[in-house]
Amino acid sequence: MMAGTVLSGRRFVVSAGPTYEDIDPVRFIGNRSSGKMGFALAAAAARRGADVVLVAGPVHLDSPADVRRIDVRSAAQLHAAVLAALPADCYIGAAAVADWTPRAVAAHKLKKTDGTDALALELVRTADVLADVASHRPRPRLVVGFAAETDDVERHARAKLERKGVDLIAANRVGIAGSGFESDDNTLVVHAADGFARTLGPAPKTQLADALLDLIQERLP
């Protein structure tokens, strides 16, 4: 079968990039995710003939060819857009979704005042996009998550795999040069519930996307 048609008839939903959780009209809580890995995965799936919906947080990237893009800002917006895009054969959660968001957004810019050296923000948990997709009915045939960790990567990744109820976790270490957020290159270790583990890379994220898609195709019913 031609590479351009191997996923023909399959529907993929991919999330990518960061979320921004607003504090006031000028400030937000965010992270360093560039969206490059998720965009590369969406492009790779489309090249193989899949019908692809890409839910993108705030990034500065061009839309991949033959991909339907939905732009969002917050974790709540990403959660709603992903669930609205289901059903799908495969969901790839490559977005770095904020775990916490301010309970209330100030209507006006928070100003410094004399004698005040600290600002307290009350944060609340955001909806768990990955776990909600994994428990959704109808559930995607394959649910793939990402685990960006700074230490003890394998232990945290396997714990996330079990806790979220997903089929595959692609884990990578962040906070080091040449890997993870804001980098063109990365190294992924892909874990599955049956004990499977495979290292992909180090390599450009565009190459890693194709390598991960190969694994997904092998396990996609």
N, C-alpha and C. Protein backbone atom coordinates (compact mmCIF):
# COMPACT_ATOMS: atom_id res chain seq x y z
N MET A 1 0.84 -1.20 0.00
CA MET A 1 0.00 0.00 0.00
C MET A 1 0.88 1.25 0.00
N MET A 2 0.50 2.24 -0.76
CA MET A 2 1.27 3.46 -0.84
C MET A 2 1.25 4.19 0.49
N ALA A 3 2.41 4.85 0.82
CA ALA A 3 2.49 5.58 2.08
C ALA A 3 1.42 6.65 2.17
N GLY A 4 1.05 7.22 1.02
CA GLY A 4 0.06 8.28 1.02
C GLY A 4 -1.36 7.81 1.23
N THR A 5 -1.61 6.50 1.27
CA THR A 5 -2.97 6.00 1.45
C THR A 5 -3.09 5.01 2.60
N VAL A 6 -1.99 4.74 3.31
CA VAL A 6 -2.00 3.69 4.33
C VAL A 6 -2.97 4.00 5.46
N LEU A 7 -3.25 5.26 5.72
CA LEU A 7 -4.21 5.64 6.76
C LEU A 7 -5.51 6.20 6.16
N SER A 8 -5.74 5.97 4.91
CA SER A 8 -6.96 6.43 4.26
C SER A 8 -8.18 5.85 4.97
N GLY A 9 -9.16 6.72 5.24
CA GLY A 9 -10.35 6.28 5.94
C GLY A 9 -10.24 6.36 7.45
N ARG A 10 -9.07 6.68 7.96
CA ARG A 10 -8.86 6.82 9.39
C ARG A 10 -8.99 8.29 9.80
N ARG A 11 -9.55 8.54 10.96
CA ARG A 11 -9.68 9.90 11.48
C ARG A 11 -8.76 10.07 12.68
N PHE A 12 -7.90 11.08 12.62
CA PHE A 12 -6.97 11.39 13.70
C PHE A 12 -7.32 12.75 14.28
N VAL A 13 -7.30 12.84 15.60
CA VAL A 13 -7.38 14.12 16.30
C VAL A 13 -6.06 14.29 17.04
N VAL A 14 -5.40 15.42 16.79
CA VAL A 14 -4.09 15.70 17.40
C VAL A 14 -4.18 17.04 18.13
N SER A 15 -3.68 17.08 19.36
CA SER A 15 -3.58 18.36 20.06
C SER A 15 -2.11 18.74 20.17
N ALA A 16 -1.83 20.05 20.11
CA ALA A 16 -0.44 20.51 20.05
C ALA A 16 -0.29 21.86 20.72
N GLY A 17 0.93 22.14 21.19
CA GLY A 17 1.25 23.45 21.72
C GLY A 17 0.88 23.62 23.18
N PRO A 18 1.06 24.84 23.70
CA PRO A 18 0.75 25.14 25.09
C PRO A 18 -0.69 25.56 25.26
N THR A 19 -1.09 25.78 26.50
CA THR A 19 -2.29 26.57 26.76
C THR A 19 -1.87 27.78 27.58
N TYR A 20 -2.63 28.86 27.44
CA TYR A 20 -2.41 30.08 28.21
C TYR A 20 -3.60 30.27 29.14
N GLU A 21 -3.32 30.37 30.42
CA GLU A 21 -4.36 30.55 31.43
C GLU A 21 -4.30 31.98 31.93
N ASP A 22 -5.27 32.78 31.57
CA ASP A 22 -5.23 34.22 31.83
C ASP A 22 -5.34 34.55 33.32
N ILE A 23 -4.50 35.51 33.74
CA ILE A 23 -4.55 36.07 35.09
C ILE A 23 -5.33 37.39 35.07
N ASP A 24 -5.00 38.22 34.09
CA ASP A 24 -5.69 39.48 33.86
C ASP A 24 -5.60 39.78 32.37
N PRO A 25 -6.03 40.92 31.88
CA PRO A 25 -6.01 41.16 30.43
C PRO A 25 -4.63 41.18 29.79
N VAL A 26 -3.54 41.23 30.58
CA VAL A 26 -2.21 41.31 29.98
C VAL A 26 -1.28 40.18 30.42
N ARG A 27 -1.64 39.40 31.42
CA ARG A 27 -0.75 38.36 31.94
C ARG A 27 -1.43 37.00 31.89
N PHE A 28 -0.61 35.97 31.80
CA PHE A 28 -1.13 34.61 31.77
C PHE A 28 -0.11 33.64 32.33
N ILE A 29 -0.56 32.44 32.65
CA ILE A 29 0.31 31.32 33.00
C ILE A 29 0.45 30.46 31.76
N GLY A 30 1.70 30.19 31.35
CA GLY A 30 1.92 29.40 30.15
C GLY A 30 3.09 28.46 30.32
N ASN A 31 3.54 27.88 29.22
CA ASN A 31 4.71 27.01 29.25
C ASN A 31 5.47 27.15 27.95
N ARG A 32 6.58 26.42 27.84
CA ARG A 32 7.52 26.61 26.73
C ARG A 32 7.23 25.73 25.50
N SER A 33 6.11 25.05 25.48
CA SER A 33 5.82 24.19 24.32
C SER A 33 5.70 25.00 23.04
N SER A 34 6.42 24.57 22.01
CA SER A 34 6.38 25.26 20.71
C SER A 34 5.30 24.71 19.79
N GLY A 35 4.81 23.50 20.07
CA GLY A 35 3.83 22.86 19.20
C GLY A 35 4.45 22.08 18.05
N LYS A 36 5.78 22.10 17.93
CA LYS A 36 6.43 21.49 16.76
C LYS A 36 6.17 19.99 16.66
N MET A 37 6.18 19.28 17.80
CA MET A 37 5.99 17.84 17.75
C MET A 37 4.57 17.50 17.31
N GLY A 38 3.59 18.16 17.88
CA GLY A 38 2.22 17.89 17.49
C GLY A 38 1.92 18.25 16.05
N PHE A 39 2.45 19.37 15.59
CA PHE A 39 2.25 19.76 14.19
C PHE A 39 2.92 18.75 13.25
N ALA A 40 4.10 18.26 13.63
CA ALA A 40 4.78 17.25 12.80
C ALA A 40 3.97 15.97 12.74
N LEU A 41 3.35 15.59 13.85
CA LEU A 41 2.52 14.38 13.86
C LEU A 41 1.27 14.56 13.00
N ALA A 42 0.64 15.71 13.09
CA ALA A 42 -0.53 15.97 12.25
C ALA A 42 -0.17 15.92 10.78
N ALA A 43 0.96 16.53 10.42
CA ALA A 43 1.41 16.53 9.02
C ALA A 43 1.72 15.12 8.55
N ALA A 44 2.38 14.33 9.40
CA ALA A 44 2.75 12.96 9.01
C ALA A 44 1.51 12.10 8.80
N ALA A 45 0.49 12.25 9.69
CA ALA A 45 -0.73 11.47 9.53
C ALA A 45 -1.47 11.87 8.25
N ALA A 46 -1.49 13.17 7.96
CA ALA A 46 -2.16 13.63 6.74
C ALA A 46 -1.46 13.12 5.49
N ARG A 47 -0.14 13.09 5.52
CA ARG A 47 0.61 12.57 4.36
C ARG A 47 0.29 11.11 4.10
N ARG A 48 -0.10 10.39 5.13
CA ARG A 48 -0.43 8.98 4.98
C ARG A 48 -1.90 8.76 4.65
N GLY A 49 -2.63 9.84 4.44
CA GLY A 49 -4.00 9.74 3.97
C GLY A 49 -5.06 9.88 5.03
N ALA A 50 -4.68 10.13 6.29
CA ALA A 50 -5.67 10.25 7.35
C ALA A 50 -6.43 11.56 7.24
N ASP A 51 -7.66 11.55 7.74
CA ASP A 51 -8.45 12.77 7.94
C ASP A 51 -8.02 13.33 9.29
N VAL A 52 -7.38 14.48 9.32
CA VAL A 52 -6.73 14.97 10.54
C VAL A 52 -7.35 16.29 11.01
N VAL A 53 -7.70 16.32 12.30
CA VAL A 53 -8.11 17.55 12.98
C VAL A 53 -7.00 17.90 13.96
N LEU A 54 -6.47 19.10 13.85
CA LEU A 54 -5.40 19.57 14.72
C LEU A 54 -5.95 20.67 15.63
N VAL A 55 -5.95 20.41 16.94
CA VAL A 55 -6.37 21.40 17.92
C VAL A 55 -5.10 22.03 18.47
N ALA A 56 -4.89 23.32 18.17
CA ALA A 56 -3.62 23.98 18.45
C ALA A 56 -3.77 25.08 19.48
N GLY A 57 -2.91 25.05 20.49
CA GLY A 57 -2.81 26.16 21.42
C GLY A 57 -2.07 27.31 20.76
N PRO A 58 -1.74 28.37 21.51
CA PRO A 58 -1.11 29.56 20.92
C PRO A 58 0.33 29.26 20.45
N VAL A 59 0.51 29.13 19.16
CA VAL A 59 1.82 28.86 18.57
C VAL A 59 2.01 29.73 17.33
N HIS A 60 3.25 29.79 16.87
CA HIS A 60 3.57 30.54 15.66
C HIS A 60 4.04 29.57 14.58
N LEU A 61 3.16 28.72 14.14
CA LEU A 61 3.48 27.69 13.15
C LEU A 61 2.43 27.71 12.05
N ASP A 62 2.88 27.44 10.82
CA ASP A 62 1.95 27.34 9.70
C ASP A 62 1.16 26.04 9.79
N SER A 63 -0.06 26.07 9.32
CA SER A 63 -0.89 24.87 9.33
C SER A 63 -0.35 23.84 8.36
N PRO A 64 -0.26 22.56 8.76
CA PRO A 64 0.17 21.52 7.83
C PRO A 64 -0.84 21.37 6.69
N ALA A 65 -0.34 20.90 5.57
CA ALA A 65 -1.22 20.68 4.41
C ALA A 65 -2.25 19.62 4.71
N ASP A 66 -3.46 19.82 4.21
CA ASP A 66 -4.55 18.84 4.29
C ASP A 66 -4.95 18.51 5.72
N VAL A 67 -4.80 19.48 6.62
CA VAL A 67 -5.17 19.31 8.02
C VAL A 67 -6.18 20.40 8.39
N ARG A 68 -7.23 20.02 9.10
CA ARG A 68 -8.19 21.02 9.60
C ARG A 68 -7.74 21.49 10.97
N ARG A 69 -7.45 22.76 11.09
CA ARG A 69 -6.88 23.32 12.32
C ARG A 69 -7.92 24.10 13.10
N ILE A 70 -7.93 23.87 14.40
CA ILE A 70 -8.80 24.60 15.32
C ILE A 70 -7.90 25.27 16.34
N ASP A 71 -7.90 26.59 16.39
CA ASP A 71 -7.04 27.34 17.32
C ASP A 71 -7.78 27.59 18.63
N VAL A 72 -7.09 27.33 19.75
CA VAL A 72 -7.64 27.58 21.08
C VAL A 72 -6.59 28.30 21.91
N ARG A 73 -6.99 28.74 23.09
CA ARG A 73 -6.05 29.44 23.97
C ARG A 73 -5.89 28.73 25.33
N SER A 74 -7.00 28.42 25.96
CA SER A 74 -6.96 27.90 27.31
C SER A 74 -7.14 26.38 27.35
N ALA A 75 -6.86 25.80 28.52
CA ALA A 75 -7.08 24.37 28.71
C ALA A 75 -8.55 24.01 28.54
N ALA A 76 -9.44 24.85 29.03
CA ALA A 76 -10.87 24.58 28.88
C ALA A 76 -11.29 24.58 27.42
N GLN A 77 -10.76 25.52 26.63
CA GLN A 77 -11.08 25.57 25.21
C GLN A 77 -10.52 24.36 24.48
N LEU A 78 -9.30 23.94 24.84
CA LEU A 78 -8.71 22.77 24.19
C LEU A 78 -9.51 21.52 24.52
N HIS A 79 -9.90 21.38 25.77
CA HIS A 79 -10.71 20.23 26.20
C HIS A 79 -12.01 20.16 25.39
N ALA A 80 -12.69 21.29 25.27
CA ALA A 80 -13.96 21.31 24.55
C ALA A 80 -13.77 21.00 23.07
N ALA A 81 -12.72 21.56 22.46
CA ALA A 81 -12.49 21.35 21.04
C ALA A 81 -12.12 19.90 20.73
N VAL A 82 -11.31 19.29 21.59
CA VAL A 82 -10.91 17.90 21.36
C VAL A 82 -12.12 16.98 21.47
N LEU A 83 -12.91 17.13 22.52
CA LEU A 83 -14.07 16.26 22.68
C LEU A 83 -15.09 16.47 21.56
N ALA A 84 -15.21 17.72 21.08
CA ALA A 84 -16.14 17.99 19.98
C ALA A 84 -15.67 17.36 18.68
N ALA A 85 -14.36 17.13 18.54
CA ALA A 85 -13.80 16.54 17.31
C ALA A 85 -13.95 15.03 17.26
N LEU A 86 -14.31 14.42 18.38
CA LEU A 86 -14.52 12.96 18.41
C LEU A 86 -15.86 12.63 17.77
N PRO A 87 -16.07 11.41 17.29
CA PRO A 87 -15.21 10.23 17.40
C PRO A 87 -14.02 10.25 16.46
N ALA A 88 -13.02 9.43 16.79
CA ALA A 88 -11.83 9.33 15.97
C ALA A 88 -11.24 7.93 16.13
N ASP A 89 -10.45 7.54 15.15
CA ASP A 89 -9.73 6.27 15.27
C ASP A 89 -8.55 6.40 16.22
N CYS A 90 -7.92 7.58 16.23
CA CYS A 90 -6.75 7.79 17.06
C CYS A 90 -6.72 9.22 17.58
N TYR A 91 -6.42 9.36 18.86
CA TYR A 91 -6.17 10.67 19.45
C TYR A 91 -4.72 10.70 19.90
N ILE A 92 -4.00 11.76 19.51
CA ILE A 92 -2.62 11.97 19.94
C ILE A 92 -2.58 13.26 20.75
N GLY A 93 -2.37 13.13 22.05
CA GLY A 93 -2.36 14.28 22.93
C GLY A 93 -0.95 14.81 23.12
N ALA A 94 -0.47 15.59 22.14
CA ALA A 94 0.88 16.15 22.21
C ALA A 94 0.90 17.54 22.82
N ALA A 95 -0.25 18.10 23.14
CA ALA A 95 -0.30 19.43 23.73
C ALA A 95 0.20 19.40 25.17
N ALA A 96 0.83 20.49 25.59
CA ALA A 96 1.25 20.66 26.99
C ALA A 96 0.16 21.46 27.68
N VAL A 97 -0.85 20.76 28.15
CA VAL A 97 -2.04 21.40 28.72
C VAL A 97 -1.77 21.77 30.18
N ALA A 98 -2.11 22.99 30.55
CA ALA A 98 -1.91 23.44 31.92
C ALA A 98 -2.73 22.58 32.88
N ASP A 99 -2.12 22.19 34.00
CA ASP A 99 -2.83 21.44 35.03
C ASP A 99 -3.63 22.36 35.94
N TRP A 100 -3.25 23.65 35.97
CA TRP A 100 -3.87 24.60 36.88
C TRP A 100 -4.23 25.88 36.14
N THR A 101 -5.29 26.52 36.59
CA THR A 101 -5.72 27.79 36.00
C THR A 101 -6.24 28.69 37.12
N PRO A 102 -6.10 30.01 37.00
CA PRO A 102 -6.64 30.89 38.03
C PRO A 102 -8.14 30.70 38.22
N ARG A 103 -8.57 30.70 39.48
CA ARG A 103 -10.00 30.54 39.75
C ARG A 103 -10.81 31.68 39.13
N ALA A 104 -10.24 32.89 39.16
CA ALA A 104 -10.93 34.05 38.60
C ALA A 104 -9.93 34.88 37.80
N VAL A 105 -10.38 35.45 36.70
CA VAL A 105 -9.55 36.33 35.87
C VAL A 105 -9.91 37.78 36.22
N ALA A 106 -8.89 38.56 36.56
CA ALA A 106 -9.14 39.96 36.90
C ALA A 106 -9.62 40.72 35.67
N ALA A 107 -10.60 41.57 35.86
CA ALA A 107 -11.15 42.34 34.74
C ALA A 107 -10.19 43.43 34.27
N HIS A 108 -9.33 43.89 35.15
CA HIS A 108 -8.38 44.95 34.81
C HIS A 108 -6.97 44.50 35.20
N LYS A 109 -5.97 45.14 34.62
CA LYS A 109 -4.59 44.81 34.92
C LYS A 109 -4.32 44.94 36.42
N LEU A 110 -3.71 43.90 36.99
CA LEU A 110 -3.35 43.94 38.40
C LEU A 110 -2.16 44.88 38.57
N LYS A 111 -2.30 45.86 39.43
CA LYS A 111 -1.29 46.90 39.59
C LYS A 111 -0.46 46.66 40.86
N LYS A 112 0.81 47.03 40.75
CA LYS A 112 1.64 47.06 41.95
C LYS A 112 1.19 48.22 42.84
N THR A 113 1.17 47.95 44.13
CA THR A 113 0.83 49.01 45.07
C THR A 113 1.93 49.13 46.10
N ASP A 114 2.13 50.31 46.62
CA ASP A 114 3.18 50.54 47.60
C ASP A 114 2.97 49.65 48.83
N GLY A 115 4.08 49.05 49.27
CA GLY A 115 4.03 48.21 50.46
C GLY A 115 3.61 46.78 50.20
N THR A 116 3.34 46.43 48.94
CA THR A 116 2.95 45.05 48.60
C THR A 116 4.09 44.36 47.87
N ASP A 117 4.62 43.30 48.47
CA ASP A 117 5.75 42.58 47.88
C ASP A 117 5.36 41.19 47.38
N ALA A 118 4.11 40.81 47.49
CA ALA A 118 3.68 39.47 47.07
C ALA A 118 2.26 39.54 46.52
N LEU A 119 1.97 38.61 45.63
CA LEU A 119 0.64 38.49 45.06
C LEU A 119 0.23 37.03 45.16
N ALA A 120 -0.90 36.75 45.74
CA ALA A 120 -1.39 35.38 45.89
C ALA A 120 -2.44 35.11 44.82
N LEU A 121 -2.25 34.01 44.08
CA LEU A 121 -3.22 33.58 43.08
C LEU A 121 -3.84 32.26 43.54
N GLU A 122 -5.14 32.16 43.48
CA GLU A 122 -5.80 30.89 43.78
C GLU A 122 -5.97 30.13 42.47
N LEU A 123 -5.39 28.93 42.42
CA LEU A 123 -5.44 28.12 41.21
C LEU A 123 -6.33 26.91 41.43
N VAL A 124 -7.01 26.50 40.38
CA VAL A 124 -7.86 25.31 40.43
C VAL A 124 -7.44 24.37 39.30
N ARG A 125 -7.75 23.10 39.49
CA ARG A 125 -7.39 22.10 38.49
C ARG A 125 -8.17 22.30 37.20
N THR A 126 -7.50 22.05 36.09
CA THR A 126 -8.18 22.06 34.80
C THR A 126 -8.73 20.68 34.49
N ALA A 127 -9.61 20.59 33.50
CA ALA A 127 -10.14 19.29 33.07
C ALA A 127 -9.01 18.45 32.49
N ASP A 128 -9.07 17.15 32.72
CA ASP A 128 -8.03 16.22 32.27
C ASP A 128 -8.38 15.74 30.85
N VAL A 129 -7.80 16.39 29.86
CA VAL A 129 -8.15 16.10 28.47
C VAL A 129 -7.84 14.65 28.12
N LEU A 130 -6.63 14.20 28.44
CA LEU A 130 -6.20 12.86 28.04
C LEU A 130 -7.06 11.78 28.68
N ALA A 131 -7.29 11.89 29.99
CA ALA A 131 -8.10 10.89 30.68
C ALA A 131 -9.54 10.91 30.18
N ASP A 132 -10.06 12.10 29.88
CA ASP A 132 -11.44 12.18 29.41
C ASP A 132 -11.60 11.58 28.02
N VAL A 133 -10.59 11.75 27.16
CA VAL A 133 -10.64 11.10 25.85
C VAL A 133 -10.56 9.59 26.01
N ALA A 134 -9.68 9.12 26.91
CA ALA A 134 -9.50 7.68 27.10
C ALA A 134 -10.75 7.00 27.65
N SER A 135 -11.60 7.77 28.38
CA SER A 135 -12.82 7.20 28.93
C SER A 135 -14.06 7.58 28.13
N HIS A 136 -13.86 8.28 27.02
CA HIS A 136 -14.97 8.76 26.20
C HIS A 136 -15.66 7.59 25.50
N ARG A 137 -16.95 7.74 25.31
CA ARG A 137 -17.70 6.72 24.55
C ARG A 137 -18.40 7.39 23.38
N PRO A 138 -18.10 6.96 22.13
CA PRO A 138 -17.18 5.89 21.81
C PRO A 138 -15.72 6.33 21.97
N ARG A 139 -14.90 5.43 22.49
CA ARG A 139 -13.50 5.71 22.72
C ARG A 139 -12.72 5.58 21.42
N PRO A 140 -11.74 6.47 21.17
CA PRO A 140 -10.86 6.24 20.02
C PRO A 140 -10.20 4.86 20.11
N ARG A 141 -9.96 4.26 18.98
CA ARG A 141 -9.35 2.93 18.96
C ARG A 141 -7.97 2.94 19.61
N LEU A 142 -7.26 4.06 19.49
CA LEU A 142 -5.93 4.18 20.08
C LEU A 142 -5.80 5.58 20.67
N VAL A 143 -5.38 5.66 21.92
CA VAL A 143 -5.17 6.94 22.60
C VAL A 143 -3.69 7.03 22.97
N VAL A 144 -3.04 8.08 22.48
CA VAL A 144 -1.60 8.26 22.66
C VAL A 144 -1.36 9.54 23.44
N GLY A 145 -0.66 9.44 24.53
CA GLY A 145 -0.32 10.61 25.33
C GLY A 145 1.16 10.92 25.29
N PHE A 146 1.52 12.09 25.80
CA PHE A 146 2.91 12.50 25.93
C PHE A 146 3.19 12.80 27.39
N ALA A 147 4.41 12.50 27.82
CA ALA A 147 4.85 12.81 29.18
C ALA A 147 6.15 13.57 29.10
N ALA A 148 6.10 14.86 29.37
CA ALA A 148 7.31 15.70 29.40
C ALA A 148 7.75 15.79 30.85
N GLU A 149 8.91 15.21 31.16
CA GLU A 149 9.36 15.11 32.54
C GLU A 149 10.76 15.70 32.68
N THR A 150 11.08 16.13 33.89
CA THR A 150 12.42 16.66 34.17
C THR A 150 13.31 15.65 34.89
N ASP A 151 12.71 14.59 35.46
CA ASP A 151 13.49 13.58 36.19
C ASP A 151 12.69 12.29 36.25
N ASP A 152 13.39 11.18 36.50
CA ASP A 152 12.76 9.86 36.66
C ASP A 152 11.71 9.63 35.59
N VAL A 153 12.13 9.81 34.34
CA VAL A 153 11.18 9.88 33.22
C VAL A 153 10.38 8.59 33.08
N GLU A 154 11.05 7.44 33.12
CA GLU A 154 10.34 6.18 32.89
C GLU A 154 9.27 5.93 33.96
N ARG A 155 9.60 6.15 35.23
CA ARG A 155 8.63 5.90 36.30
C ARG A 155 7.41 6.81 36.16
N HIS A 156 7.66 8.10 35.90
CA HIS A 156 6.54 9.03 35.75
C HIS A 156 5.70 8.70 34.51
N ALA A 157 6.36 8.30 33.43
CA ALA A 157 5.63 7.99 32.20
C ALA A 157 4.74 6.77 32.38
N ARG A 158 5.26 5.72 32.99
CA ARG A 158 4.45 4.51 33.19
C ARG A 158 3.30 4.76 34.17
N ALA A 159 3.55 5.60 35.16
CA ALA A 159 2.47 5.94 36.09
C ALA A 159 1.37 6.70 35.36
N LYS A 160 1.75 7.60 34.46
CA LYS A 160 0.76 8.36 33.69
C LYS A 160 -0.01 7.44 32.75
N LEU A 161 0.68 6.50 32.13
CA LEU A 161 0.04 5.53 31.23
C LEU A 161 -1.09 4.80 31.95
N GLU A 162 -0.82 4.33 33.17
CA GLU A 162 -1.82 3.58 33.93
C GLU A 162 -2.92 4.51 34.46
N ARG A 163 -2.52 5.66 34.98
CA ARG A 163 -3.48 6.57 35.61
C ARG A 163 -4.49 7.12 34.62
N LYS A 164 -4.02 7.42 33.39
CA LYS A 164 -4.90 8.02 32.39
C LYS A 164 -5.68 6.99 31.58
N GLY A 165 -5.24 5.73 31.61
CA GLY A 165 -5.93 4.69 30.86
C GLY A 165 -5.70 4.77 29.37
N VAL A 166 -4.48 5.18 28.95
CA VAL A 166 -4.18 5.33 27.53
C VAL A 166 -3.44 4.10 27.02
N ASP A 167 -3.26 4.03 25.71
CA ASP A 167 -2.62 2.87 25.09
C ASP A 167 -1.11 3.03 24.94
N LEU A 168 -0.67 4.23 24.62
CA LEU A 168 0.75 4.51 24.46
C LEU A 168 1.09 5.84 25.12
N ILE A 169 2.29 5.92 25.70
CA ILE A 169 2.83 7.17 26.22
C ILE A 169 4.19 7.40 25.57
N ALA A 170 4.36 8.57 24.97
CA ALA A 170 5.66 8.97 24.40
C ALA A 170 6.31 9.92 25.41
N ALA A 171 7.35 9.46 26.06
CA ALA A 171 7.97 10.22 27.15
C ALA A 171 9.26 10.87 26.67
N ASN A 172 9.49 12.07 27.16
CA ASN A 172 10.75 12.75 26.86
C ASN A 172 11.16 13.62 28.03
N ARG A 173 12.46 13.83 28.13
CA ARG A 173 12.99 14.68 29.20
C ARG A 173 13.08 16.11 28.68
N VAL A 174 12.60 17.05 29.48
CA VAL A 174 12.67 18.46 29.12
C VAL A 174 13.61 19.18 30.08
N GLY A 175 13.96 20.40 29.71
CA GLY A 175 14.86 21.18 30.55
C GLY A 175 16.32 20.94 30.28
N ILE A 176 16.62 20.23 29.17
CA ILE A 176 18.00 20.01 28.76
C ILE A 176 18.17 20.47 27.32
N ALA A 177 19.39 20.85 26.97
CA ALA A 177 19.64 21.38 25.63
C ALA A 177 19.40 20.30 24.57
N GLY A 178 18.79 20.72 23.43
CA GLY A 178 18.62 19.83 22.29
C GLY A 178 17.51 18.81 22.43
N SER A 179 16.60 19.02 23.37
CA SER A 179 15.52 18.07 23.56
C SER A 179 14.32 18.78 24.16
N GLY A 180 13.13 18.27 23.85
CA GLY A 180 11.93 18.77 24.49
C GLY A 180 11.45 20.10 23.95
N PHE A 181 10.92 20.93 24.85
CA PHE A 181 10.29 22.18 24.46
C PHE A 181 11.26 23.09 23.71
N GLU A 182 10.71 23.78 22.71
CA GLU A 182 11.39 24.82 21.94
C GLU A 182 12.53 24.30 21.05
N SER A 183 12.77 23.01 21.04
CA SER A 183 13.85 22.44 20.24
C SER A 183 13.30 21.82 18.96
N ASP A 184 14.13 21.80 17.92
CA ASP A 184 13.75 21.11 16.68
C ASP A 184 13.97 19.61 16.77
N ASP A 185 14.75 19.18 17.75
CA ASP A 185 15.08 17.76 17.92
C ASP A 185 14.49 17.24 19.23
N ASN A 186 14.44 15.92 19.32
CA ASN A 186 13.92 15.32 20.54
C ASN A 186 14.31 13.85 20.59
N THR A 187 14.13 13.25 21.75
CA THR A 187 14.24 11.81 21.94
C THR A 187 12.99 11.35 22.68
N LEU A 188 12.33 10.34 22.16
CA LEU A 188 11.12 9.81 22.78
C LEU A 188 11.34 8.37 23.19
N VAL A 189 10.81 8.00 24.34
CA VAL A 189 10.73 6.59 24.73
C VAL A 189 9.24 6.26 24.82
N VAL A 190 8.81 5.36 23.96
CA VAL A 190 7.39 5.03 23.86
C VAL A 190 7.10 3.80 24.71
N HIS A 191 6.14 3.93 25.64
CA HIS A 191 5.75 2.85 26.54
C HIS A 191 4.32 2.42 26.24
N ALA A 192 4.06 1.13 26.42
CA ALA A 192 2.71 0.59 26.30
C ALA A 192 2.37 -0.22 27.54
N ALA A 193 1.09 -0.44 27.76
CA ALA A 193 0.64 -1.13 28.97
C ALA A 193 1.15 -2.57 29.05
N ASP A 194 1.44 -3.19 27.90
CA ASP A 194 1.91 -4.57 27.90
C ASP A 194 3.41 -4.70 28.18
N GLY A 195 4.05 -3.60 28.57
CA GLY A 195 5.47 -3.63 28.88
C GLY A 195 6.37 -3.23 27.73
N PHE A 196 5.79 -3.02 26.57
CA PHE A 196 6.56 -2.59 25.41
C PHE A 196 7.24 -1.25 25.68
N ALA A 197 8.48 -1.12 25.24
CA ALA A 197 9.19 0.16 25.32
C ALA A 197 10.15 0.25 24.15
N ARG A 198 10.18 1.41 23.49
CA ARG A 198 11.10 1.62 22.38
C ARG A 198 11.57 3.05 22.37
N THR A 199 12.86 3.24 22.17
CA THR A 199 13.44 4.57 22.09
C THR A 199 13.47 5.04 20.65
N LEU A 200 12.99 6.25 20.41
CA LEU A 200 13.02 6.87 19.09
C LEU A 200 13.90 8.11 19.18
N GLY A 201 14.89 8.20 18.33
CA GLY A 201 15.80 9.34 18.35
C GLY A 201 17.04 9.06 19.15
N PRO A 202 17.85 10.12 19.34
CA PRO A 202 17.56 11.53 19.04
C PRO A 202 17.49 11.79 17.53
N ALA A 203 16.56 12.66 17.17
CA ALA A 203 16.34 12.97 15.76
C ALA A 203 15.48 14.22 15.67
N PRO A 204 15.42 14.84 14.49
CA PRO A 204 14.49 15.96 14.30
C PRO A 204 13.05 15.51 14.57
N LYS A 205 12.24 16.42 15.06
CA LYS A 205 10.86 16.07 15.39
C LYS A 205 10.07 15.60 14.18
N THR A 206 10.42 16.07 13.00
CA THR A 206 9.73 15.62 11.80
C THR A 206 9.99 14.12 11.56
N GLN A 207 11.22 13.67 11.83
CA GLN A 207 11.54 12.24 11.68
C GLN A 207 10.89 11.43 12.80
N LEU A 208 10.90 11.97 14.01
CA LEU A 208 10.27 11.27 15.13
C LEU A 208 8.78 11.08 14.89
N ALA A 209 8.14 12.05 14.25
CA ALA A 209 6.72 11.94 13.96
C ALA A 209 6.44 10.73 13.09
N ASP A 210 7.24 10.53 12.05
CA ASP A 210 7.03 9.37 11.19
C ASP A 210 7.32 8.07 11.93
N ALA A 211 8.36 8.06 12.77
CA ALA A 211 8.67 6.85 13.53
C ALA A 211 7.55 6.50 14.50
N LEU A 212 6.99 7.52 15.16
CA LEU A 212 5.88 7.26 16.08
C LEU A 212 4.64 6.82 15.31
N LEU A 213 4.39 7.41 14.15
CA LEU A 213 3.25 6.98 13.32
C LEU A 213 3.39 5.51 12.91
N ASP A 214 4.62 5.05 12.66
CA ASP A 214 4.83 3.63 12.35
C ASP A 214 4.35 2.75 13.50
N LEU A 215 4.70 3.12 14.74
CA LEU A 215 4.26 2.36 15.90
C LEU A 215 2.75 2.41 16.06
N ILE A 216 2.17 3.58 15.82
CA ILE A 216 0.73 3.73 15.94
C ILE A 216 0.02 2.84 14.92
N GLN A 217 0.52 2.82 13.69
CA GLN A 217 -0.09 1.97 12.66
C GLN A 217 -0.04 0.50 13.05
N GLU A 218 1.05 0.08 13.69
CA GLU A 218 1.19 -1.33 14.08
C GLU A 218 0.14 -1.71 15.11
N ARG A 219 -0.28 -0.75 15.95
CA ARG A 219 -1.18 -1.06 17.05
C ARG A 219 -2.61 -0.58 16.79
N LEU A 220 -2.85 0.08 15.69
CA LEU A 220 -4.19 0.59 15.41
C LEU A 220 -5.06 -0.55 14.87
N PRO A 221 -6.12 -0.91 15.60
CA PRO A 221 -6.96 -2.04 15.16
C PRO A 221 -7.60 -1.78 13.79
